[in-house]
Amino acid sequence: MSIVENLIAFTFAATVLTLTPGLDTALVLRTATVEGKQQAMRAALGINAGCLLWGAAVAFGLGALIAVSEVAFNVLKYCGAAYLAWLGVNMLLRPRRSLSSGEEQGRPSANWFVKGLLGNLLNPKVGIFYVSFLPQFIPQGQPLVAWTFGLVSIHVLLGLLWSITLIAATQPLAGVLRRERVIQWMDRTTGLIFVLFAVRLALSKR
């Protein structure tokens, strides 16, 4: 395929991947509903910063190491599963009752950029996906590092656009979505999703 055909094919595949519901979608939706659009954007930026770091790891060989090393894969996998389980259990056991920020209550607000970043970085499936997926769209003879970062940048842009769409979609329903019972339901539902993803990640194989 030509360079243009490669870019079109990758953009289409990455769009399908981005629109497929998963952990990132759940995190952005929950944060937009419970914490507000600014915190949701921080979570989305953290998730996509994680994609950029995975792209760098793949470009410079770490992703390939994770793909072939059972030990490296398992260490990252179990760390990621433990982190997701910790987030999920906290949401299940201690759902919020209101939307008042931690800063208003005298406590530091949760850093959703870091949560989004760690949730992405501690998922070795992202690295393996990039290792197996990206090379298919790099034309023969083209610089690997430049093309890897270029393709990851397209994926990140699509992810940001999708996150903005999700965040905007919650605004018309903000009055309903921010009721105490709805907030608790959203927290517990998202917490359950996180725990299920943690179990799925812990049991996953390369």
Foldseek 3Di string as FASTA:
>chain_A
DDLVVLLVVLLVVLLVVLPPDDLLLLLLLLCCQQANNVLSLLLLLLQLVLLLVLLVCLLVPNLVVCVPDPVNVLVLLLVLLVLLLVQLVCLQVPFDQANDALVVVVHDGDRSSNVSNSNNNSQSVSSPCLNPPQVVSDDPPDRSSVSSSVSSVSSSVSSSVVSVVSSVVCVVVNVVSGHRVNRSVSSNVSSVSSNVVSVCSNPDDD
